[in-house]
Amino acid sequence: MSAIITIKQVIGLGYQPGDWARLHGNGGSGAIDWNTPLSSRVWPLFPEGAGIYGFGHAPFGHHRFGHGVSKRTGGFGHSPFGCGPFGYGCVVLTATVAVAACGAYKFGFKIYDAAGNDQAGTPDEIEVIVHIAPPAPTGLKLVSYQKTTDLLILEAA
């Protein structure tokens, strides 16, 4: 048996177009291995030109145009348009990982610049405790089950 883990991590302001991320993990115990990514997959921080601009809540959205304080302003920053990742100045990275054993799994996205140099600072970590149910015993065969008495009879195969 195995489990599928979905990881979502918010990456904030401070990066440039062309920067990207890789997912790192610990394999179920210990500290994250920041030297070896879990896969060769790359997550761009500015996919298709959109990304960590902070259009609504970063400096652009902090004047009248961003707040929508009069009828002639759109409230780009604090109305529904600015309340998503584009408005808050972040991008949400999402990854799925299959795990085959129980453990305390830790994950984190390490950020790299356009030239492939890792960014300074400690990346945020996400921890997930996984408990996988053991498989059903093999070698048993159903002989009968009586619903009224809740009697189950099995035979060794």
N, C-alpha and C. Protein backbone atom coordinates (compact mmCIF):
# COMPACT_ATOMS: atom_id res chain seq x y z
N MET A 1 0.85 -1.17 0.00
CA MET A 1 0.00 0.00 0.00
C MET A 1 0.89 1.23 0.00
N SER A 2 0.32 2.35 -0.42
CA SER A 2 1.05 3.60 -0.43
C SER A 2 0.08 4.74 -0.19
N ALA A 3 0.64 5.92 -0.04
CA ALA A 3 -0.17 7.12 0.17
C ALA A 3 0.32 8.20 -0.79
N ILE A 4 -0.59 9.08 -1.17
CA ILE A 4 -0.25 10.22 -2.01
C ILE A 4 -0.35 11.47 -1.14
N ILE A 5 0.72 12.26 -1.14
CA ILE A 5 0.76 13.50 -0.36
C ILE A 5 0.74 14.66 -1.36
N THR A 6 -0.14 15.64 -1.12
CA THR A 6 -0.16 16.85 -1.91
C THR A 6 0.44 17.97 -1.07
N ILE A 7 1.47 18.61 -1.61
CA ILE A 7 2.19 19.66 -0.90
C ILE A 7 1.89 20.98 -1.59
N LYS A 8 1.47 21.98 -0.81
CA LYS A 8 1.27 23.33 -1.34
C LYS A 8 2.09 24.26 -0.47
N GLN A 9 2.92 25.07 -1.11
CA GLN A 9 3.75 26.00 -0.36
C GLN A 9 3.70 27.36 -1.03
N VAL A 10 3.55 28.41 -0.21
CA VAL A 10 3.49 29.77 -0.69
C VAL A 10 4.90 30.34 -0.72
N ILE A 11 5.29 30.88 -1.86
CA ILE A 11 6.59 31.53 -2.01
C ILE A 11 6.31 33.03 -2.15
N GLY A 12 6.90 33.83 -1.28
CA GLY A 12 6.61 35.26 -1.23
C GLY A 12 7.47 36.10 -2.15
N LEU A 13 7.43 37.41 -1.93
CA LEU A 13 8.17 38.39 -2.73
C LEU A 13 9.67 38.21 -2.62
N GLY A 14 10.39 38.80 -3.56
CA GLY A 14 11.84 38.84 -3.48
C GLY A 14 12.56 38.07 -4.56
N TYR A 15 11.82 37.55 -5.53
CA TYR A 15 12.44 36.77 -6.60
C TYR A 15 12.22 37.44 -7.93
N GLN A 16 12.96 37.03 -8.93
CA GLN A 16 12.94 37.65 -10.25
C GLN A 16 12.38 36.66 -11.29
N PRO A 17 11.84 37.19 -12.40
CA PRO A 17 11.44 36.29 -13.49
C PRO A 17 12.64 35.43 -13.91
N GLY A 18 12.39 34.15 -14.14
CA GLY A 18 13.46 33.21 -14.47
C GLY A 18 13.86 32.35 -13.28
N ASP A 19 13.52 32.79 -12.05
CA ASP A 19 13.81 31.98 -10.86
C ASP A 19 12.88 30.78 -10.83
N TRP A 20 13.33 29.71 -10.20
CA TRP A 20 12.57 28.47 -10.18
C TRP A 20 12.84 27.72 -8.88
N ALA A 21 12.12 26.63 -8.66
CA ALA A 21 12.24 25.86 -7.42
C ALA A 21 12.30 24.37 -7.72
N ARG A 22 12.87 23.64 -6.78
CA ARG A 22 12.87 22.17 -6.80
C ARG A 22 12.40 21.69 -5.44
N LEU A 23 11.72 20.54 -5.44
CA LEU A 23 11.21 19.95 -4.20
C LEU A 23 12.25 19.04 -3.57
N HIS A 24 12.47 19.22 -2.28
CA HIS A 24 13.40 18.39 -1.52
C HIS A 24 12.62 17.72 -0.38
N GLY A 25 13.14 16.62 0.13
CA GLY A 25 12.46 15.90 1.21
C GLY A 25 13.43 15.11 2.05
N ASN A 26 12.88 14.43 3.05
CA ASN A 26 13.72 13.65 3.98
C ASN A 26 13.50 12.14 3.87
N GLY A 27 12.61 11.67 3.03
CA GLY A 27 12.39 10.24 2.87
C GLY A 27 11.66 9.58 4.03
N GLY A 28 11.09 10.36 4.94
CA GLY A 28 10.30 9.80 6.03
C GLY A 28 10.92 9.91 7.41
N SER A 29 12.19 10.31 7.50
CA SER A 29 12.81 10.49 8.82
C SER A 29 14.01 11.42 8.71
N GLY A 30 14.30 12.09 9.80
CA GLY A 30 15.47 12.96 9.84
C GLY A 30 15.22 14.32 9.22
N ALA A 31 16.32 14.97 8.84
CA ALA A 31 16.26 16.31 8.26
C ALA A 31 16.15 16.22 6.73
N ILE A 32 15.68 17.30 6.13
CA ILE A 32 15.57 17.36 4.67
C ILE A 32 16.97 17.36 4.07
N ASP A 33 17.13 16.60 2.99
CA ASP A 33 18.38 16.60 2.24
C ASP A 33 18.30 17.72 1.20
N TRP A 34 18.88 18.88 1.54
CA TRP A 34 18.81 20.04 0.67
C TRP A 34 19.79 19.94 -0.50
N ASN A 35 20.63 18.92 -0.53
CA ASN A 35 21.58 18.75 -1.63
C ASN A 35 21.04 17.91 -2.78
N THR A 36 20.02 17.10 -2.51
CA THR A 36 19.48 16.19 -3.52
C THR A 36 17.97 16.38 -3.63
N PRO A 37 17.47 16.92 -4.74
CA PRO A 37 16.02 17.07 -4.90
C PRO A 37 15.35 15.71 -5.07
N LEU A 38 14.06 15.67 -4.79
CA LEU A 38 13.29 14.42 -4.92
C LEU A 38 13.13 14.01 -6.38
N SER A 39 13.14 14.96 -7.28
CA SER A 39 13.04 14.65 -8.71
C SER A 39 13.73 15.76 -9.49
N SER A 40 13.78 15.60 -10.80
CA SER A 40 14.40 16.62 -11.64
C SER A 40 13.39 17.69 -12.07
N ARG A 41 12.15 17.57 -11.61
CA ARG A 41 11.12 18.54 -12.00
C ARG A 41 11.46 19.93 -11.48
N VAL A 42 11.16 20.93 -12.30
CA VAL A 42 11.41 22.33 -11.96
C VAL A 42 10.06 23.05 -11.91
N TRP A 43 9.85 23.86 -10.85
CA TRP A 43 8.65 24.68 -10.71
C TRP A 43 9.04 26.13 -10.96
N PRO A 44 8.60 26.74 -12.07
CA PRO A 44 8.92 28.15 -12.30
C PRO A 44 8.16 29.05 -11.33
N LEU A 45 8.79 30.12 -10.86
CA LEU A 45 8.12 31.05 -9.95
C LEU A 45 7.27 32.07 -10.69
N PHE A 46 7.49 32.23 -11.98
CA PHE A 46 6.73 33.15 -12.80
C PHE A 46 6.18 32.38 -14.01
N PRO A 47 5.28 31.41 -13.78
CA PRO A 47 4.79 30.61 -14.90
C PRO A 47 4.03 31.47 -15.90
N GLU A 48 4.39 31.33 -17.16
CA GLU A 48 3.75 32.05 -18.26
C GLU A 48 3.69 33.56 -18.02
N GLY A 49 4.69 34.11 -17.37
CA GLY A 49 4.77 35.55 -17.16
C GLY A 49 4.10 36.06 -15.90
N ALA A 50 3.20 35.27 -15.28
CA ALA A 50 2.57 35.68 -14.04
C ALA A 50 3.47 35.25 -12.90
N GLY A 51 3.30 35.82 -11.75
CA GLY A 51 4.12 35.38 -10.64
C GLY A 51 4.05 36.31 -9.46
N ILE A 52 5.17 36.52 -8.84
CA ILE A 52 5.24 37.17 -7.53
C ILE A 52 5.35 38.68 -7.68
N TYR A 53 4.31 39.32 -8.20
CA TYR A 53 4.36 40.75 -8.42
C TYR A 53 3.79 41.55 -7.25
N GLY A 54 2.90 40.99 -6.47
CA GLY A 54 2.30 41.74 -5.37
C GLY A 54 1.48 42.91 -5.86
N PHE A 55 0.73 42.68 -6.93
CA PHE A 55 -0.01 43.75 -7.59
C PHE A 55 -0.97 44.44 -6.64
N GLY A 56 -1.54 43.71 -5.70
CA GLY A 56 -2.54 44.31 -4.82
C GLY A 56 -2.02 44.74 -3.47
N HIS A 57 -1.19 43.94 -2.83
CA HIS A 57 -0.82 44.20 -1.45
C HIS A 57 0.63 44.63 -1.28
N ALA A 58 1.41 44.58 -2.33
CA ALA A 58 2.77 45.10 -2.28
C ALA A 58 2.68 46.60 -2.58
N PRO A 59 3.78 47.28 -2.74
CA PRO A 59 3.73 48.75 -2.88
C PRO A 59 2.71 49.28 -3.88
N PHE A 60 2.52 48.60 -5.01
CA PHE A 60 1.58 49.10 -6.02
C PHE A 60 0.17 49.24 -5.45
N GLY A 61 -0.25 48.30 -4.63
CA GLY A 61 -1.63 48.29 -4.15
C GLY A 61 -1.87 49.11 -2.90
N HIS A 62 -0.87 49.81 -2.40
CA HIS A 62 -1.03 50.53 -1.14
C HIS A 62 -1.43 51.99 -1.31
N HIS A 63 -1.72 52.45 -2.52
CA HIS A 63 -2.22 53.81 -2.66
C HIS A 63 -3.70 53.75 -3.00
N ARG A 64 -4.31 54.90 -3.34
CA ARG A 64 -5.76 54.95 -3.55
C ARG A 64 -6.25 53.96 -4.58
N PHE A 65 -5.48 53.76 -5.64
CA PHE A 65 -5.89 52.83 -6.69
C PHE A 65 -6.02 51.40 -6.13
N GLY A 66 -5.15 51.05 -5.22
CA GLY A 66 -5.18 49.71 -4.65
C GLY A 66 -6.27 49.51 -3.63
N HIS A 67 -6.59 50.55 -2.88
CA HIS A 67 -7.60 50.42 -1.82
C HIS A 67 -9.02 50.63 -2.32
N GLY A 68 -9.18 51.29 -3.44
CA GLY A 68 -10.54 51.53 -3.95
C GLY A 68 -11.32 52.46 -3.06
N VAL A 69 -10.71 53.58 -2.63
CA VAL A 69 -11.35 54.47 -1.66
C VAL A 69 -12.30 55.47 -2.29
N SER A 70 -12.35 55.57 -3.61
CA SER A 70 -13.32 56.46 -4.24
C SER A 70 -13.98 55.73 -5.40
N LYS A 71 -14.99 56.34 -5.97
CA LYS A 71 -15.71 55.70 -7.07
C LYS A 71 -14.85 55.57 -8.32
N ARG A 72 -13.79 56.34 -8.44
CA ARG A 72 -12.98 56.34 -9.65
C ARG A 72 -11.79 55.39 -9.55
N THR A 73 -11.66 54.65 -8.49
CA THR A 73 -10.54 53.73 -8.37
C THR A 73 -11.06 52.31 -8.32
N GLY A 74 -10.27 51.38 -8.77
CA GLY A 74 -10.73 50.01 -8.92
C GLY A 74 -10.57 49.13 -7.70
N GLY A 75 -9.78 49.52 -6.75
CA GLY A 75 -9.54 48.64 -5.61
C GLY A 75 -8.84 47.37 -6.02
N PHE A 76 -7.88 47.50 -6.95
CA PHE A 76 -7.17 46.34 -7.45
C PHE A 76 -6.57 45.51 -6.31
N GLY A 77 -6.09 46.15 -5.28
CA GLY A 77 -5.38 45.42 -4.23
C GLY A 77 -6.28 44.74 -3.23
N HIS A 78 -7.41 45.34 -2.88
CA HIS A 78 -8.19 44.83 -1.77
C HIS A 78 -9.58 44.38 -2.17
N SER A 79 -9.85 44.32 -3.45
CA SER A 79 -11.10 43.73 -3.92
C SER A 79 -10.79 42.30 -4.38
N PRO A 80 -11.77 41.55 -4.86
CA PRO A 80 -11.50 40.15 -5.22
C PRO A 80 -10.31 39.95 -6.16
N PHE A 81 -10.08 40.89 -7.09
CA PHE A 81 -8.98 40.72 -8.03
C PHE A 81 -7.63 40.63 -7.30
N GLY A 82 -7.46 41.43 -6.27
CA GLY A 82 -6.17 41.47 -5.58
C GLY A 82 -6.03 40.50 -4.43
N CYS A 83 -7.05 39.69 -4.17
CA CYS A 83 -7.01 38.80 -3.01
C CYS A 83 -6.47 37.41 -3.32
N GLY A 84 -5.99 37.18 -4.52
CA GLY A 84 -5.38 35.90 -4.86
C GLY A 84 -3.87 36.00 -4.78
N PRO A 85 -3.15 34.96 -5.18
CA PRO A 85 -1.69 35.00 -5.14
C PRO A 85 -1.10 36.17 -5.92
N PHE A 86 -1.72 36.54 -7.06
CA PHE A 86 -1.21 37.65 -7.85
C PHE A 86 -1.27 38.95 -7.05
N GLY A 87 -2.31 39.13 -6.27
CA GLY A 87 -2.47 40.36 -5.49
C GLY A 87 -1.61 40.38 -4.24
N TYR A 88 -1.41 39.25 -3.63
CA TYR A 88 -0.65 39.22 -2.38
C TYR A 88 0.86 39.18 -2.61
N GLY A 89 1.29 39.01 -3.82
CA GLY A 89 2.72 38.98 -4.08
C GLY A 89 3.32 37.64 -3.72
N CYS A 90 2.70 36.59 -4.20
CA CYS A 90 3.22 35.25 -3.92
C CYS A 90 2.81 34.32 -5.06
N VAL A 91 3.43 33.17 -5.07
CA VAL A 91 3.02 32.11 -5.97
C VAL A 91 2.85 30.86 -5.11
N VAL A 92 1.88 30.04 -5.43
CA VAL A 92 1.64 28.80 -4.68
C VAL A 92 2.16 27.64 -5.52
N LEU A 93 3.17 26.94 -4.99
CA LEU A 93 3.72 25.78 -5.67
C LEU A 93 3.02 24.54 -5.15
N THR A 94 2.63 23.65 -6.04
CA THR A 94 1.91 22.44 -5.66
C THR A 94 2.64 21.22 -6.24
N ALA A 95 2.82 20.21 -5.40
CA ALA A 95 3.48 18.97 -5.83
C ALA A 95 2.76 17.79 -5.19
N THR A 96 2.77 16.65 -5.86
CA THR A 96 2.25 15.42 -5.29
C THR A 96 3.39 14.41 -5.22
N VAL A 97 3.44 13.68 -4.10
CA VAL A 97 4.49 12.70 -3.86
C VAL A 97 3.84 11.42 -3.36
N ALA A 98 4.24 10.29 -3.92
CA ALA A 98 3.77 8.99 -3.43
C ALA A 98 4.78 8.45 -2.43
N VAL A 99 4.28 7.99 -1.28
CA VAL A 99 5.15 7.38 -0.27
C VAL A 99 4.65 5.98 0.02
N ALA A 100 5.58 5.07 0.31
CA ALA A 100 5.23 3.66 0.48
C ALA A 100 5.29 3.19 1.93
N ALA A 101 5.79 4.02 2.83
CA ALA A 101 5.96 3.58 4.21
C ALA A 101 5.53 4.67 5.18
N CYS A 102 5.23 4.29 6.41
CA CYS A 102 4.90 5.24 7.46
C CYS A 102 6.12 6.09 7.78
N GLY A 103 5.89 7.29 8.27
CA GLY A 103 7.01 8.13 8.66
C GLY A 103 6.61 9.57 8.87
N ALA A 104 7.59 10.37 9.31
CA ALA A 104 7.43 11.81 9.48
C ALA A 104 8.13 12.48 8.30
N TYR A 105 7.38 12.69 7.24
CA TYR A 105 7.93 13.23 6.00
C TYR A 105 8.01 14.76 6.08
N LYS A 106 9.16 15.29 5.69
CA LYS A 106 9.35 16.73 5.62
C LYS A 106 9.66 17.09 4.17
N PHE A 107 9.07 18.20 3.72
CA PHE A 107 9.26 18.67 2.36
C PHE A 107 9.54 20.16 2.36
N GLY A 108 10.20 20.64 1.33
CA GLY A 108 10.44 22.06 1.15
C GLY A 108 10.89 22.35 -0.26
N PHE A 109 10.56 23.54 -0.74
CA PHE A 109 10.99 23.97 -2.06
C PHE A 109 12.22 24.85 -1.90
N LYS A 110 13.30 24.48 -2.57
CA LYS A 110 14.52 25.28 -2.58
C LYS A 110 14.49 26.13 -3.84
N ILE A 111 14.77 27.42 -3.70
CA ILE A 111 14.67 28.37 -4.79
C ILE A 111 16.04 28.57 -5.46
N TYR A 112 16.03 28.63 -6.78
CA TYR A 112 17.23 28.85 -7.57
C TYR A 112 17.01 30.05 -8.49
N ASP A 113 18.07 30.79 -8.79
CA ASP A 113 17.94 31.90 -9.74
C ASP A 113 18.00 31.36 -11.17
N ALA A 114 17.86 32.26 -12.14
CA ALA A 114 17.82 31.85 -13.55
C ALA A 114 19.10 31.14 -13.99
N ALA A 115 20.23 31.42 -13.32
CA ALA A 115 21.50 30.79 -13.67
C ALA A 115 21.72 29.46 -12.96
N GLY A 116 20.77 29.06 -12.09
CA GLY A 116 20.88 27.78 -11.39
C GLY A 116 21.56 27.86 -10.04
N ASN A 117 21.84 29.07 -9.54
CA ASN A 117 22.44 29.23 -8.21
C ASN A 117 21.35 29.21 -7.15
N ASP A 118 21.56 28.45 -6.07
CA ASP A 118 20.54 28.42 -5.04
C ASP A 118 20.53 29.74 -4.27
N GLN A 119 19.33 30.12 -3.83
CA GLN A 119 19.14 31.38 -3.12
C GLN A 119 19.55 31.23 -1.67
N ALA A 120 20.05 32.31 -1.10
CA ALA A 120 20.45 32.30 0.31
C ALA A 120 19.21 32.22 1.20
N GLY A 121 19.40 31.71 2.39
CA GLY A 121 18.30 31.61 3.34
C GLY A 121 17.82 30.18 3.50
N THR A 122 17.12 29.95 4.57
CA THR A 122 16.60 28.62 4.86
C THR A 122 15.18 28.51 4.31
N PRO A 123 14.92 27.58 3.43
CA PRO A 123 13.56 27.42 2.89
C PRO A 123 12.60 26.94 3.98
N ASP A 124 11.33 27.27 3.81
CA ASP A 124 10.30 26.78 4.73
C ASP A 124 10.14 25.28 4.56
N GLU A 125 9.80 24.62 5.66
CA GLU A 125 9.58 23.17 5.65
C GLU A 125 8.13 22.86 5.98
N ILE A 126 7.63 21.80 5.38
CA ILE A 126 6.29 21.30 5.65
C ILE A 126 6.47 19.86 6.16
N GLU A 127 5.84 19.53 7.28
CA GLU A 127 5.95 18.17 7.82
C GLU A 127 4.59 17.48 7.77
N VAL A 128 4.60 16.22 7.33
CA VAL A 128 3.39 15.42 7.23
C VAL A 128 3.67 14.07 7.89
N ILE A 129 2.84 13.69 8.84
CA ILE A 129 2.95 12.38 9.48
C ILE A 129 2.06 11.42 8.70
N VAL A 130 2.64 10.33 8.21
CA VAL A 130 1.91 9.37 7.38
C VAL A 130 1.83 8.03 8.10
N HIS A 131 0.61 7.50 8.19
CA HIS A 131 0.37 6.15 8.71
C HIS A 131 -0.35 5.37 7.62
N ILE A 132 0.28 4.33 7.13
CA ILE A 132 -0.30 3.52 6.06
C ILE A 132 -0.78 2.21 6.67
N ALA A 133 -2.03 1.87 6.40
CA ALA A 133 -2.60 0.62 6.93
C ALA A 133 -1.87 -0.58 6.32
N PRO A 134 -1.64 -1.61 7.12
CA PRO A 134 -0.98 -2.80 6.57
C PRO A 134 -1.92 -3.52 5.59
N PRO A 135 -1.36 -4.26 4.66
CA PRO A 135 -2.20 -4.98 3.71
C PRO A 135 -2.97 -6.11 4.40
N ALA A 136 -4.06 -6.51 3.79
CA ALA A 136 -4.85 -7.62 4.33
C ALA A 136 -4.02 -8.90 4.27
N PRO A 137 -4.22 -9.79 5.23
CA PRO A 137 -3.46 -11.04 5.20
C PRO A 137 -3.80 -11.87 3.96
N THR A 138 -2.80 -12.50 3.43
CA THR A 138 -3.02 -13.34 2.25
C THR A 138 -3.18 -14.79 2.68
N GLY A 139 -3.71 -15.60 1.81
CA GLY A 139 -3.83 -17.02 2.09
C GLY A 139 -5.11 -17.41 2.80
N LEU A 140 -6.09 -16.51 2.89
CA LEU A 140 -7.38 -16.86 3.50
C LEU A 140 -8.46 -16.83 2.44
N LYS A 141 -9.42 -17.75 2.59
CA LYS A 141 -10.51 -17.85 1.63
C LYS A 141 -11.82 -17.79 2.39
N LEU A 142 -12.76 -17.01 1.87
CA LEU A 142 -14.06 -16.89 2.49
C LEU A 142 -14.86 -18.17 2.28
N VAL A 143 -15.31 -18.77 3.39
CA VAL A 143 -16.17 -19.96 3.31
C VAL A 143 -17.62 -19.51 3.39
N SER A 144 -17.94 -18.71 4.42
CA SER A 144 -19.32 -18.21 4.54
C SER A 144 -19.36 -17.02 5.49
N TYR A 145 -20.44 -16.27 5.35
CA TYR A 145 -20.69 -15.17 6.28
C TYR A 145 -22.19 -15.11 6.51
N GLN A 146 -22.58 -15.20 7.80
CA GLN A 146 -23.99 -15.14 8.16
C GLN A 146 -24.28 -13.76 8.74
N LYS A 147 -25.02 -12.97 7.97
CA LYS A 147 -25.27 -11.59 8.36
C LYS A 147 -26.08 -11.48 9.65
N THR A 148 -27.03 -12.35 9.86
CA THR A 148 -27.88 -12.25 11.05
C THR A 148 -27.10 -12.51 12.33
N THR A 149 -26.18 -13.45 12.30
CA THR A 149 -25.40 -13.77 13.52
C THR A 149 -24.00 -13.13 13.49
N ASP A 150 -23.67 -12.47 12.38
CA ASP A 150 -22.35 -11.84 12.19
C ASP A 150 -21.24 -12.86 12.36
N LEU A 151 -21.43 -14.04 11.79
CA LEU A 151 -20.45 -15.11 11.88
C LEU A 151 -19.72 -15.24 10.55
N LEU A 152 -18.40 -15.09 10.62
CA LEU A 152 -17.53 -15.18 9.46
C LEU A 152 -16.68 -16.45 9.58
N ILE A 153 -16.70 -17.24 8.52
CA ILE A 153 -15.87 -18.47 8.52
C ILE A 153 -14.90 -18.36 7.38
N LEU A 154 -13.60 -18.47 7.73
CA LEU A 154 -12.52 -18.41 6.76
C LEU A 154 -11.80 -19.74 6.76
N GLU A 155 -11.14 -20.02 5.63
CA GLU A 155 -10.37 -21.25 5.50
C GLU A 155 -8.97 -20.88 4.98
N ALA A 156 -7.96 -21.56 5.52
CA ALA A 156 -6.62 -21.32 5.03
C ALA A 156 -6.49 -21.89 3.63
N ALA A 157 -5.99 -21.08 2.73
CA ALA A 157 -5.90 -21.52 1.33
C ALA A 157 -4.62 -22.25 1.08
